[in-house]
Amino acid sequence: MLPYKNPLNYRHSQLPRTGVLITNLGTPDEPTTAAVRRYLAEFLADPRVTEMPRWLWMLILHGIILRVRPRRSALKYQKIWTTQGSPLLTISQQQQAGIQERLSAHFSQPVQVALGMRYGQPSIAQALESFRAQSIQRLIVLPLYPQYASAVTASTFDAVTAELTKWRWLPDLRFVTHYPDHPAYIQALVARIQGYWAAHGTPDKLLFSFHGMPQRFFTSGDPYFCECHKTARLVAEAMQLPASQWSVCFQSRFGKEEWIKPYTDEVLQQLGREGTRRVDVVCPGFSADCLETLEEINQENRELFLHAGGKEFHYIPALNAMPEHLDALSTILQEQMQGCWGNELNQSLADAREIAGERVERAEKMGAGE
């Protein structure tokens, strides 16, 4: 057996192809204990996610966490599951279709957009295998995490490169590590918040809630904390919000160690006790609504605020598949692609076929046929 994945009769006449892989964290296949256990086993076994001695963490993971947490998490997933399935997967598929439409209209050459989840299905490996079967020669990867975090962004890079080690012809590769201050992304966030306020009125306080991370990751050099603050500041400046009307906090902490602060649940309870009437929460780090936004923020944290004395709690939906978001993601991709492959992607089909014909001639001389 050959050590690398490639067709035995490669067609040298095929036109060059470009692949765009958009990725997100992932989701269980079903809101059941068994499905959540499979998902968490893959997710929490990633050394990027839990930087602990492997032997110790495996004992904790398989001896305690996977015996207790799947059932609890499954109940939470059941609260947000829809008739179409996982909200994260459904929205991600809509994002894939919207980006495909925009890129196809922008470039002369074929561009194929695929979706891959870091954990669960459809996997990054499956998406890349579909690209390999199409002989993709240029590849750009866009993890849908605007703010860089090693636990998600670098983990995605690990998964992509692990799969590419199996290819014979490595594609030209571009990897978008972050876009926390891209003007189109900031403007999409502004449009989302202003649109919501136009329909529902304005709050006393706007909270920018981001996913948390252990404090030791930040002190070890991870830029995530700073990039979250930068995104929030740019949105607030664009909306001309006074400093008293907004703040940044962090959610979804896990375990007993210290995470980056302030914590979203504690901030909401404090605001309720202080007499803040209405709080709106937006989660700019989540490109699509998921368990952390729909259940943790819009259900659990809503109850915490109201129970503490608050009167109105509003969750502003993630950017999801709103046109401004799809335009922003497409703009980011176009800028990256124009910068390195502009001539090729804007080449006419006639010129591309001429180049392919030259390849065939060389292949025939070498006895490789078409």
Protein backbone atom coordinates (compact mmCIF):
# COMPACT_ATOMS: atom_id res chain seq x y z
CA MET A 1 0.00 0.00 0.00
CA LEU A 2 1.25 3.46 -0.88
CA PRO A 3 1.93 5.64 2.21
CA TYR A 4 0.11 8.70 0.85
CA LYS A 5 -3.47 9.24 -0.26
CA ASN A 6 -3.62 10.00 -3.96
CA PRO A 7 -5.24 8.53 -7.07
CA LEU A 8 -3.26 5.92 -8.97
CA ASN A 9 -4.17 7.54 -12.30
CA TYR A 10 -3.94 11.27 -11.65
CA ARG A 11 -5.48 13.46 -14.35
CA HIS A 12 -2.92 16.13 -15.22
CA SER A 13 -5.47 17.89 -17.43
CA GLN A 14 -7.79 18.96 -14.61
CA LEU A 15 -8.06 22.65 -13.84
CA PRO A 16 -6.41 24.01 -10.67
CA ARG A 17 -8.86 24.16 -7.78
CA THR A 18 -9.05 26.23 -4.61
CA GLY A 19 -10.59 25.00 -1.39
CA VAL A 20 -11.88 27.06 1.51
CA LEU A 21 -12.31 25.22 4.79
CA ILE A 22 -14.37 26.94 7.47
CA THR A 23 -14.26 25.31 10.88
CA ASN A 24 -15.94 25.50 14.25
CA LEU A 25 -15.70 23.60 17.50
CA GLY A 26 -18.33 20.94 16.91
CA THR A 27 -21.43 19.39 18.41
CA PRO A 28 -22.76 16.00 19.52
CA ASP A 29 -24.73 14.07 16.90
CA GLU A 30 -27.70 13.85 19.25
CA PRO A 31 -28.72 15.33 22.60
CA THR A 32 -28.25 11.97 24.31
CA THR A 33 -25.89 10.86 27.05
CA ALA A 34 -24.09 8.41 24.75
CA ALA A 35 -23.61 10.95 21.94
CA VAL A 36 -22.45 13.66 24.34
CA ARG A 37 -20.01 11.22 25.94
CA ARG A 38 -18.44 10.47 22.54
CA TYR A 39 -18.17 14.15 21.78
CA LEU A 40 -16.69 15.11 25.14
CA ALA A 41 -14.24 12.22 25.03
CA GLU A 42 -12.79 13.58 21.79
CA PHE A 43 -12.97 17.22 22.83
CA LEU A 44 -11.49 16.92 26.31
CA ALA A 45 -8.75 14.51 25.24
CA ASP A 46 -7.19 17.25 23.09
CA PRO A 47 -3.92 18.31 24.79
CA ARG A 48 -4.52 21.88 23.57
CA VAL A 49 -7.71 22.04 25.64
CA THR A 50 -6.35 20.73 28.92
CA GLU A 51 -2.67 21.41 29.46
CA MET A 52 -2.05 18.87 32.18
CA PRO A 53 0.20 15.81 32.43
CA ARG A 54 -1.49 13.31 30.12
CA TRP A 55 -1.53 10.38 32.53
CA LEU A 56 -3.18 12.48 35.25
CA TRP A 57 -5.73 14.08 32.95
CA MET A 58 -6.72 10.74 31.39
CA LEU A 59 -7.40 9.35 34.85
CA ILE A 60 -9.58 12.36 35.69
CA LEU A 61 -11.32 12.38 32.31
CA HIS A 62 -12.22 8.70 32.12
CA GLY A 63 -12.48 8.06 35.84
CA ILE A 64 -14.68 11.02 36.78
CA ILE A 65 -15.72 13.51 34.07
CA LEU A 66 -17.01 11.11 31.41
CA ARG A 67 -18.96 9.23 34.07
CA VAL A 68 -20.80 12.33 35.31
CA ARG A 69 -20.80 15.20 32.85
CA PRO A 70 -22.35 13.63 29.69
CA ARG A 71 -25.75 13.12 31.30
CA ARG A 72 -25.83 16.68 32.66
CA SER A 73 -24.70 18.15 29.35
CA ALA A 74 -27.21 16.05 27.40
CA LEU A 75 -30.05 17.60 29.40
CA LYS A 76 -28.75 21.04 28.48
CA TYR A 77 -28.47 20.16 24.79
CA GLN A 78 -32.06 18.92 24.85
CA LYS A 79 -33.17 22.43 25.86
CA ILE A 80 -31.74 24.00 22.69
CA TRP A 81 -32.06 21.18 20.13
CA THR A 82 -34.31 21.99 17.17
CA THR A 83 -36.22 19.95 14.63
CA GLN A 84 -33.29 20.52 12.26
CA GLY A 85 -30.84 19.23 14.88
CA SER A 86 -27.94 21.05 16.49
CA PRO A 87 -28.21 24.85 16.16
CA LEU A 88 -24.45 25.16 15.75
CA LEU A 89 -24.37 22.67 12.87
CA THR A 90 -27.43 24.12 11.14
CA ILE A 91 -26.08 27.68 11.32
CA SER A 92 -22.60 26.58 10.23
CA GLN A 93 -24.10 24.92 7.15
CA GLN A 94 -25.94 28.15 6.34
CA GLN A 95 -22.66 30.04 6.71
CA GLN A 96 -20.95 27.60 4.38
CA ALA A 97 -23.63 28.08 1.72
CA GLY A 98 -23.54 31.88 2.04
CA ILE A 99 -19.76 32.07 1.75
CA GLN A 100 -19.81 29.68 -1.21
CA GLU A 101 -22.29 31.90 -3.03
CA ARG A 102 -20.24 35.04 -2.44
CA LEU A 103 -16.85 33.59 -3.38
CA SER A 104 -18.21 31.91 -6.51
CA ALA A 105 -19.56 35.26 -7.66
CA HIS A 106 -16.27 37.03 -6.89
CA PHE A 107 -13.68 34.79 -8.55
CA SER A 108 -13.39 33.53 -12.12
CA GLN A 109 -11.79 30.24 -11.08
CA PRO A 110 -13.62 27.49 -9.15
CA VAL A 111 -13.61 27.88 -5.37
CA GLN A 112 -15.06 25.12 -3.22
CA VAL A 113 -16.17 25.84 0.36
CA ALA A 114 -16.34 22.99 2.89
CA LEU A 115 -17.28 22.79 6.57
CA GLY A 116 -15.29 20.86 9.14
CA MET A 117 -15.79 20.56 12.89
CA ARG A 118 -12.78 20.17 15.17
CA TYR A 119 -14.69 17.53 17.15
CA GLY A 120 -17.62 15.48 15.95
CA GLN A 121 -19.16 15.48 12.48
CA PRO A 122 -18.59 16.60 9.77
CA SER A 123 -14.92 16.37 10.72
CA ILE A 124 -11.97 18.38 9.45
CA ALA A 125 -10.50 15.12 8.14
CA GLN A 126 -13.65 14.44 6.10
CA ALA A 127 -13.66 17.94 4.63
CA LEU A 128 -10.00 17.71 3.66
CA GLU A 129 -10.50 14.26 2.17
CA SER A 130 -13.20 15.70 -0.09
CA PHE A 131 -10.69 18.37 -1.15
CA ARG A 132 -7.99 15.78 -1.78
CA ALA A 133 -10.38 13.79 -3.98
CA GLN A 134 -10.94 16.97 -6.02
CA SER A 135 -7.17 17.59 -6.24
CA ILE A 136 -7.41 20.94 -4.48
CA GLN A 137 -4.10 22.73 -5.03
CA ARG A 138 -4.73 25.89 -3.00
CA LEU A 139 -6.22 25.72 0.50
CA ILE A 140 -7.29 28.45 2.88
CA VAL A 141 -8.52 27.61 6.38
CA LEU A 142 -10.74 30.00 8.32
CA PRO A 143 -11.48 28.91 11.89
CA LEU A 144 -14.56 30.84 12.94
CA TYR A 145 -12.95 32.11 16.13
CA PRO A 146 -12.42 35.87 15.72
CA GLN A 147 -10.12 36.06 18.75
CA TYR A 148 -7.08 33.77 18.75
CA ALA A 149 -6.94 31.13 21.49
CA SER A 150 -4.50 28.26 21.49
CA ALA A 151 -7.17 25.84 22.75
CA VAL A 152 -9.27 26.30 19.62
CA THR A 153 -7.30 28.08 16.88
CA ALA A 154 -4.03 26.22 17.33
CA SER A 155 -5.93 22.98 17.86
CA THR A 156 -7.57 23.48 14.47
CA PHE A 157 -4.14 23.96 12.89
CA ASP A 158 -3.01 20.71 14.52
CA ALA A 159 -5.94 18.82 13.00
CA VAL A 160 -5.45 20.31 9.53
CA THR A 161 -1.72 19.65 9.34
CA ALA A 162 -2.12 16.14 10.75
CA GLU A 163 -4.38 15.30 7.82
CA LEU A 164 -2.12 17.00 5.27
CA THR A 165 0.78 14.76 6.28
CA LYS A 166 -1.08 12.03 4.36
CA TRP A 167 -1.19 13.96 1.07
CA ARG A 168 1.33 13.50 -1.73
CA TRP A 169 0.79 16.93 -3.31
CA LEU A 170 0.57 19.42 -0.47
CA PRO A 171 -1.62 22.40 -1.39
CA ASP A 172 -0.50 26.00 -1.03
CA LEU A 173 -1.81 26.75 2.46
CA ARG A 174 -3.16 29.90 4.07
CA PHE A 175 -4.40 29.76 7.67
CA VAL A 176 -6.33 32.70 9.12
CA THR A 177 -5.37 32.77 12.79
CA HIS A 178 -7.68 35.60 13.93
CA TYR A 179 -9.67 38.67 12.91
CA PRO A 180 -10.68 40.44 16.15
CA ASP A 181 -10.32 43.95 14.71
CA HIS A 182 -11.22 43.47 11.06
CA PRO A 183 -13.43 46.43 10.07
CA ALA A 184 -16.04 44.24 8.35
CA TYR A 185 -16.37 42.00 11.42
CA ILE A 186 -16.65 44.99 13.75
CA GLN A 187 -19.28 46.57 11.50
CA ALA A 188 -21.27 43.32 11.45
CA LEU A 189 -21.32 43.32 15.26
CA VAL A 190 -22.42 46.95 15.29
CA ALA A 191 -25.20 46.18 12.81
CA ARG A 192 -26.39 43.24 14.93
CA ILE A 193 -26.53 45.28 18.15
CA GLN A 194 -28.08 48.37 16.57
CA GLY A 195 -30.65 46.26 14.76
CA TYR A 196 -31.63 44.55 17.99
CA TRP A 197 -31.89 47.83 19.87
CA ALA A 198 -33.98 49.37 17.11
CA ALA A 199 -36.51 46.58 17.64
CA HIS A 200 -36.30 46.15 21.43
CA GLY A 201 -34.99 49.39 22.90
CA THR A 202 -31.69 50.03 24.67
CA PRO A 203 -30.37 48.59 27.95
CA ASP A 204 -28.88 50.18 31.03
CA LYS A 205 -25.82 47.96 30.53
CA LEU A 206 -24.35 46.04 27.60
CA LEU A 207 -22.15 43.08 28.49
CA PHE A 208 -19.67 41.65 25.98
CA SER A 209 -19.39 38.06 27.19
CA PHE A 210 -16.59 35.90 25.77
CA HIS A 211 -15.71 32.28 26.44
CA GLY A 212 -13.23 32.05 29.29
CA MET A 213 -9.84 30.37 29.59
CA PRO A 214 -7.56 29.47 32.49
CA GLN A 215 -5.56 32.41 33.82
CA ARG A 216 -2.34 30.41 33.36
CA PHE A 217 -2.93 30.30 29.59
CA PHE A 218 -2.96 34.10 29.53
CA THR A 219 0.13 34.44 31.71
CA SER A 220 1.86 31.93 29.41
CA GLY A 221 1.40 34.29 26.45
CA ASP A 222 -1.98 33.54 24.90
CA PRO A 223 -3.33 36.81 23.35
CA TYR A 224 -7.00 35.87 23.69
CA PHE A 225 -7.82 38.09 26.69
CA CYS A 226 -6.38 41.17 24.98
CA GLU A 227 -8.08 40.45 21.65
CA CYS A 228 -11.47 40.10 23.36
CA HIS A 229 -11.06 43.50 24.95
CA LYS A 230 -9.97 44.97 21.64
CA THR A 231 -13.07 43.71 19.84
CA ALA A 232 -15.39 45.09 22.54
CA ARG A 233 -13.61 48.44 22.61
CA LEU A 234 -13.82 48.87 18.83
CA VAL A 235 -17.54 48.05 18.81
CA ALA A 236 -18.20 50.45 21.68
CA GLU A 237 -16.23 53.20 19.96
CA ALA A 238 -18.07 52.66 16.68
CA MET A 239 -21.38 52.94 18.54
CA GLN A 240 -20.14 55.87 20.65
CA LEU A 241 -21.13 54.12 23.88
CA PRO A 242 -20.09 55.80 27.13
CA ALA A 243 -17.74 53.73 29.28
CA SER A 244 -20.42 53.36 31.95
CA GLN A 245 -22.79 51.57 29.57
CA TRP A 246 -20.67 48.56 28.63
CA SER A 247 -18.14 46.10 30.03
CA VAL A 248 -16.35 42.84 29.20
CA CYS A 249 -16.73 39.54 31.05
CA PHE A 250 -15.97 35.85 30.56
CA GLN A 251 -18.19 32.78 30.77
CA SER A 252 -18.04 28.97 30.67
CA ARG A 253 -15.31 28.35 33.21
CA PHE A 254 -14.61 24.74 34.13
CA GLY A 255 -12.89 23.22 37.14
CA LYS A 256 -11.57 24.87 40.29
CA GLU A 257 -8.56 26.81 39.00
CA GLU A 258 -8.66 30.56 38.37
CA TRP A 259 -9.86 31.69 34.94
CA ILE A 260 -9.64 35.11 33.33
CA LYS A 261 -11.99 37.60 35.00
CA PRO A 262 -14.48 39.04 35.57
CA TYR A 263 -16.87 36.07 35.40
CA THR A 264 -20.13 36.66 33.52
CA ASP A 265 -22.38 34.99 36.08
CA GLU A 266 -20.89 36.99 38.95
CA VAL A 267 -21.14 40.27 37.02
CA LEU A 268 -24.82 39.66 36.24
CA GLN A 269 -25.66 38.87 39.85
CA GLN A 270 -23.85 41.98 41.04
CA LEU A 271 -25.69 44.15 38.52
CA GLY A 272 -29.00 42.71 39.69
CA ARG A 273 -28.19 43.42 43.32
CA GLU A 274 -27.14 46.98 42.46
CA GLY A 275 -30.53 47.71 40.92
CA THR A 276 -29.61 47.65 37.24
CA ARG A 277 -32.97 47.30 35.52
CA ARG A 278 -32.07 45.98 32.08
CA VAL A 279 -28.98 44.15 30.86
CA ASP A 280 -28.26 43.05 27.29
CA VAL A 281 -25.60 40.41 26.61
CA VAL A 282 -23.81 39.91 23.31
CA CYS A 283 -21.21 37.18 22.68
CA PRO A 284 -18.85 38.37 19.90
CA GLY A 285 -16.51 35.38 20.19
CA PHE A 286 -19.20 32.93 19.06
CA SER A 287 -19.76 33.09 15.31
CA ALA A 288 -22.85 30.90 15.66
CA ASP A 289 -25.32 30.34 18.46
CA CYS A 290 -24.67 27.17 20.42
CA LEU A 291 -24.98 25.62 23.87
CA GLU A 292 -22.87 28.35 25.48
CA THR A 293 -25.06 31.17 24.17
CA LEU A 294 -28.53 29.63 23.96
CA GLU A 295 -28.51 27.67 27.21
CA GLU A 296 -25.73 29.07 29.41
CA ILE A 297 -26.32 32.76 28.64
CA ASN A 298 -29.95 33.00 27.59
CA GLN A 299 -31.28 30.54 30.18
CA GLU A 300 -28.92 30.00 33.13
CA ASN A 301 -27.47 33.51 33.31
CA ARG A 302 -30.85 35.09 32.60
CA GLU A 303 -32.20 33.41 35.73
CA LEU A 304 -29.22 34.53 37.79
CA PHE A 305 -29.75 38.18 36.84
CA LEU A 306 -33.51 38.16 37.37
CA HIS A 307 -33.23 36.28 40.66
CA ALA A 308 -30.67 38.85 41.88
CA GLY A 309 -33.14 41.70 41.33
CA GLY A 310 -32.81 42.59 37.63
CA LYS A 311 -36.00 43.29 35.67
CA GLU A 312 -35.14 42.71 31.99
CA PHE A 313 -32.56 40.43 30.43
CA HIS A 314 -31.94 40.38 26.68
CA TYR A 315 -29.60 38.09 24.78
CA ILE A 316 -28.55 39.58 21.43
CA PRO A 317 -28.13 36.65 19.00
CA ALA A 318 -24.76 35.77 17.53
CA LEU A 319 -23.91 36.96 14.02
CA ASN A 320 -24.93 33.55 12.65
CA ALA A 321 -25.85 33.73 8.94
CA MET A 322 -26.89 37.39 8.83
CA PRO A 323 -25.81 38.96 5.49
CA GLU A 324 -23.38 41.40 7.13
CA HIS A 325 -21.57 38.50 8.79
CA LEU A 326 -21.35 36.46 5.60
CA ASP A 327 -20.10 39.56 3.78
CA ALA A 328 -17.45 40.06 6.47
CA LEU A 329 -16.21 36.47 6.37
CA SER A 330 -16.14 36.54 2.57
CA THR A 331 -14.22 39.81 2.61
CA ILE A 332 -11.62 38.33 4.98
CA LEU A 333 -11.22 35.32 2.70
CA GLN A 334 -11.05 37.43 -0.45
CA GLU A 335 -8.32 39.62 1.01
CA GLN A 336 -6.27 36.59 1.96
CA MET A 337 -6.79 34.89 -1.38
CA GLN A 338 -6.19 37.98 -3.49
CA GLY A 339 -2.95 38.58 -1.65
CA CYS A 340 -1.38 35.25 -2.53
CA TRP A 341 -3.40 33.76 -5.40
CA GLY A 342 -4.99 36.79 -7.04
CA ASN A 343 -3.64 36.17 -10.54
CA GLU A 344 -4.60 32.50 -10.55
CA LEU A 345 -8.10 32.98 -9.14
CA ASN A 346 -8.93 35.76 -11.56
CA GLN A 347 -7.48 33.92 -14.54
CA SER A 348 -9.90 33.14 -17.33
CA LEU A 349 -11.02 29.57 -17.87
CA ALA A 350 -9.44 29.63 -21.34
CA ASP A 351 -6.01 30.49 -19.90
CA ALA A 352 -6.40 27.86 -17.21
CA ARG A 353 -7.23 25.21 -19.79
CA GLU A 354 -4.20 26.22 -21.82
CA ILE A 355 -1.97 25.64 -18.79
CA ALA A 356 -3.69 22.32 -18.17
CA GLY A 357 -3.00 21.35 -21.78
CA GLU A 358 0.69 22.01 -21.27
CA ARG A 359 0.60 19.70 -18.27
CA VAL A 360 -0.92 16.93 -20.39
CA GLU A 361 1.84 17.23 -22.95
CA ARG A 362 4.49 16.89 -20.28
CA ALA A 363 2.64 13.96 -18.69
CA GLU A 364 2.41 12.14 -22.02
CA LYS A 365 6.14 12.56 -22.62
CA MET A 366 6.76 11.01 -19.20
CA GLY A 367 4.40 8.14 -19.96
CA ALA A 368 1.78 9.22 -17.40
CA GLY A 369 -1.02 9.56 -19.93
CA GLU A 370 -3.61 12.23 -19.26
